[in-house]
Protein backbone atom coordinates (compact mmCIF):
# COMPACT_ATOMS: atom_id res chain seq x y z
CA UNK A 1 0.00 0.00 0.00
CA UNK A 2 1.35 3.42 -0.89
CA UNK A 3 1.11 6.55 1.19
CA UNK A 4 -1.12 9.28 -0.17
CA UNK A 5 0.66 12.26 -1.67
CA UNK A 6 1.21 14.89 0.99
CA UNK A 7 0.02 18.32 -0.12
CA UNK A 8 2.42 21.20 0.63
CA UNK A 9 -0.34 23.05 2.53
CA UNK A 10 -3.07 21.31 4.50
CA UNK A 11 -5.68 22.58 6.96
CA UNK A 12 -8.64 20.24 7.34
CA UNK A 13 -12.08 21.24 8.60
CA UNK A 14 -15.02 18.92 9.26
CA UNK A 15 -18.13 20.37 7.63
CA UNK A 16 -20.33 18.24 9.89
CA UNK A 17 -19.04 20.16 12.91
CA UNK A 18 -19.94 23.63 11.64
CA UNK A 19 -22.37 25.40 13.92
CA UNK A 20 -24.85 28.12 13.11
CA UNK A 21 -22.38 30.96 13.72
CA UNK A 22 -19.89 31.88 10.98
CA UNK A 23 -16.46 30.35 11.60
CA UNK A 24 -13.42 32.46 10.66
CA UNK A 25 -10.36 30.40 9.71
CA UNK A 26 -6.98 31.78 8.67
CA UNK A 27 -4.58 29.58 6.71
CA UNK A 28 -0.99 30.83 6.37
CA UNK A 29 1.60 28.93 4.37
CA UNK A 30 4.89 28.45 6.19
CA UNK A 31 8.23 28.59 4.37
CA UNK A 32 8.25 24.87 3.52
CA UNK A 33 4.72 25.05 2.10
CA UNK A 34 5.65 28.11 0.01
CA UNK A 35 8.65 26.26 -1.42
CA UNK A 36 6.54 23.18 -2.22
CA UNK A 37 3.73 25.16 -3.87
CA UNK A 38 6.21 27.26 -5.88
CA UNK A 39 7.89 24.08 -7.14
CA UNK A 40 4.52 22.54 -8.06
CA UNK A 41 3.50 25.68 -9.98
CA UNK A 42 6.89 26.22 -11.65
CA UNK A 43 7.40 29.57 -9.93
CA UNK A 44 10.78 30.89 -8.79
CA UNK A 45 9.33 31.53 -5.31
CA UNK A 46 6.30 32.29 -3.19
CA UNK A 47 7.17 34.92 -0.60
CA UNK A 48 3.86 34.83 1.30
CA UNK A 49 0.49 33.10 1.03
CA UNK A 50 -2.48 33.71 3.30
CA UNK A 51 -6.14 32.83 3.08
CA UNK A 52 -8.83 34.26 5.34
CA UNK A 53 -11.93 32.05 5.18
CA UNK A 54 -15.34 32.60 6.77
CA UNK A 55 -17.29 29.34 6.79
CA UNK A 56 -21.04 29.25 7.33
CA UNK A 57 -23.46 26.37 7.61
CA UNK A 58 -26.64 26.92 5.61
CA UNK A 59 -29.68 25.07 6.95
CA UNK A 60 -32.33 24.43 4.30
CA UNK A 61 -35.67 23.12 5.56
CA UNK A 62 -36.83 20.46 3.12
CA UNK A 63 -33.54 20.52 1.21
CA UNK A 64 -29.97 19.43 1.86
CA UNK A 65 -27.89 21.53 4.24
CA UNK A 66 -24.58 22.77 2.89
CA UNK A 67 -21.70 25.06 3.79
CA UNK A 68 -20.58 28.26 2.15
CA UNK A 69 -17.35 30.16 2.51
CA UNK A 70 -15.81 33.39 1.47
CA UNK A 71 -12.09 33.52 0.90
CA UNK A 72 -9.83 36.51 0.82
CA UNK A 73 -6.53 35.39 -0.69
CA UNK A 74 -3.38 37.47 -0.34
CA UNK A 75 -0.10 36.35 -1.82
CA UNK A 76 3.26 37.67 -2.89
CA UNK A 77 4.85 35.55 -5.60
CA UNK A 78 7.93 35.74 -7.78
CA UNK A 79 7.06 35.13 -11.41
CA UNK A 80 9.16 35.14 -14.58
CA UNK A 81 8.38 37.82 -17.15
CA UNK A 82 7.38 36.25 -20.47
CA UNK A 83 9.04 39.13 -22.39
CA UNK A 84 12.34 39.70 -20.56
CA UNK A 85 12.61 36.32 -18.75
CA UNK A 86 13.53 38.23 -15.59
CA UNK A 87 11.98 37.32 -12.23
CA UNK A 88 9.77 39.95 -10.61
CA UNK A 89 7.57 40.21 -7.55
CA UNK A 90 3.81 40.26 -7.95
CA UNK A 91 1.14 40.87 -5.31
CA UNK A 92 -2.13 39.00 -5.65
CA UNK A 93 -5.33 39.88 -3.79
CA UNK A 94 -8.46 37.92 -4.69
CA UNK A 95 -11.87 37.28 -3.19
CA UNK A 96 -13.80 34.08 -3.89
CA UNK A 97 -17.18 32.67 -2.95
CA UNK A 98 -17.23 28.93 -2.33
CA UNK A 99 -19.96 26.32 -1.97
CA UNK A 100 -18.73 23.37 0.07
CA UNK A 101 -20.52 20.08 -0.42
CA UNK A 102 -20.11 16.65 1.06
CA UNK A 103 -19.69 13.78 -1.40
CA UNK A 104 -23.33 12.74 -1.00
CA UNK A 105 -24.56 16.30 -1.60
CA UNK A 106 -22.43 16.56 -4.75
CA UNK A 107 -23.79 13.25 -6.03
CA UNK A 108 -27.37 14.40 -5.38
CA UNK A 109 -26.73 17.62 -7.34
CA UNK A 110 -25.07 15.69 -10.20
CA UNK A 111 -22.52 18.47 -10.80
CA UNK A 112 -21.26 16.89 -14.04
CA UNK A 113 -24.65 17.43 -15.69
CA UNK A 114 -25.40 20.89 -14.24
CA UNK A 115 -25.00 23.87 -16.57
CA UNK A 116 -21.93 26.00 -15.86
CA UNK A 117 -22.69 29.39 -14.34
CA UNK A 118 -19.61 31.64 -14.22
CA UNK A 119 -21.26 33.82 -11.57
CA UNK A 120 -22.01 30.91 -9.22
CA UNK A 121 -19.68 30.14 -6.30
CA UNK A 122 -16.93 27.62 -6.93
CA UNK A 123 -18.02 24.15 -5.78
CA UNK A 124 -15.65 22.34 -3.45
CA UNK A 125 -16.43 18.67 -2.85
CA UNK A 126 -15.25 17.42 0.52
CA UNK A 127 -13.69 14.04 1.16
CA UNK A 128 -16.57 12.62 3.18
CA UNK A 129 -17.30 15.63 5.36
CA UNK A 130 -13.68 16.83 5.56
CA UNK A 131 -12.54 19.73 3.40
CA UNK A 132 -8.89 20.75 3.14
CA UNK A 133 -8.76 24.55 3.22
CA UNK A 134 -5.02 24.46 2.47
CA UNK A 135 -5.71 22.65 -0.80
CA UNK A 136 -8.58 25.07 -1.56
CA UNK A 137 -6.26 28.05 -0.96
CA UNK A 138 -3.58 26.52 -3.18
CA UNK A 139 -6.12 25.88 -5.95
CA UNK A 140 -7.46 29.43 -5.76
CA UNK A 141 -3.89 30.76 -5.99
CA UNK A 142 -3.39 28.71 -9.15
CA UNK A 143 -6.53 30.29 -10.64
CA UNK A 144 -5.38 33.80 -9.68
CA UNK A 145 -1.89 33.56 -11.21
CA UNK A 146 -1.35 35.40 -14.48
CA UNK A 147 -0.53 32.73 -17.08
CA UNK A 148 1.53 35.25 -19.10
CA UNK A 149 3.11 37.50 -16.47
CA UNK A 150 4.83 40.68 -17.58
CA UNK A 151 7.10 42.78 -15.44
CA UNK A 152 5.52 46.19 -14.79
CA UNK A 153 6.47 48.68 -17.49
CA UNK A 154 7.47 46.03 -20.02
CA UNK A 155 5.55 46.25 -23.27
CA UNK A 156 4.43 43.20 -25.16
CA UNK A 157 6.62 42.38 -28.16
CA UNK A 158 5.31 43.80 -31.40
CA UNK A 159 3.79 41.46 -33.92
CA UNK A 160 5.82 41.17 -37.12
CA UNK A 161 4.20 42.94 -40.04
CA UNK A 162 2.25 40.66 -42.31
CA UNK A 163 3.73 40.38 -45.78
CA UNK A 164 1.98 42.54 -48.29
CA UNK A 165 0.05 40.41 -50.74
CA UNK A 166 -1.11 41.99 -53.95
CA UNK A 167 -2.32 40.75 -57.31
CA UNK A 168 1.24 40.43 -58.65
CA UNK A 169 2.86 38.95 -55.53
CA UNK A 170 3.21 35.49 -57.09
CA UNK A 171 4.93 36.97 -60.17
CA UNK A 172 7.30 38.99 -57.97
CA UNK A 173 8.18 35.87 -55.96
CA UNK A 174 8.81 33.96 -59.21
CA UNK A 175 11.11 36.71 -60.50
CA UNK A 176 13.13 36.66 -57.26
CA UNK A 177 13.30 32.86 -57.40
CA UNK A 178 14.77 32.97 -60.95
CA UNK A 179 17.59 35.16 -59.79
CA UNK A 180 16.28 38.54 -60.65
CA UNK A 181 16.61 40.66 -57.57
CA UNK A 182 14.18 43.21 -58.87
CA UNK A 183 10.85 42.13 -60.32
CA UNK A 184 10.29 43.60 -63.79
C-alpha cells in the first residue's frame, strides 16, 4: 500500500461540525509550504500566502444543508516575465465565494450534468465531510496567477508585419526565385 501524496499546505475542517455561527479560519503557508507550492507551480518563489476564510453552515428546511465560505486570498509571488525572462515580484489579492458540499450532496446535485454558471460560487467537494482549506487556498492561488506574467512597465513584443500580398505577388516571388533581384 502506498502513502497518499502529501500536499504542501493542508488545513482540514469537518463540515459536519460547523455550527450556526460563521467560523473564521486563517490559513498561512509556512516557508516549507511556500517552497513546495512554488515548485509545483513552476514559480521561482512564493514569498507569502495567506487565506482568510469565513465558513457558514446553511440550513435548508426540506432541502440538503450545505456550507458556504468566502475567501480573501493574499499572496506575494515571484514570477518570470514572459518578455524579458527576468523574475519579478507580484502581489495577488483575490476574493472568492465557495460552496462546500459533502460527497453525498455533490452526487445528489449531479454536478457533471449541471450547466456552468460563471457567476455561481466555486463548488468544493469534501472528502466525506472533511474539506482541506489548504488545498482550496492553493487551488485558488493557481486560478489567480497570471498565465503570461509581464514585469511592470514592459511592453508586449510587437507582432511582425504581415507580408503585403497583392495581385502580382506570385509573379514577384517567381522573378526573385529565378535570380532577378528586382521584379520587372
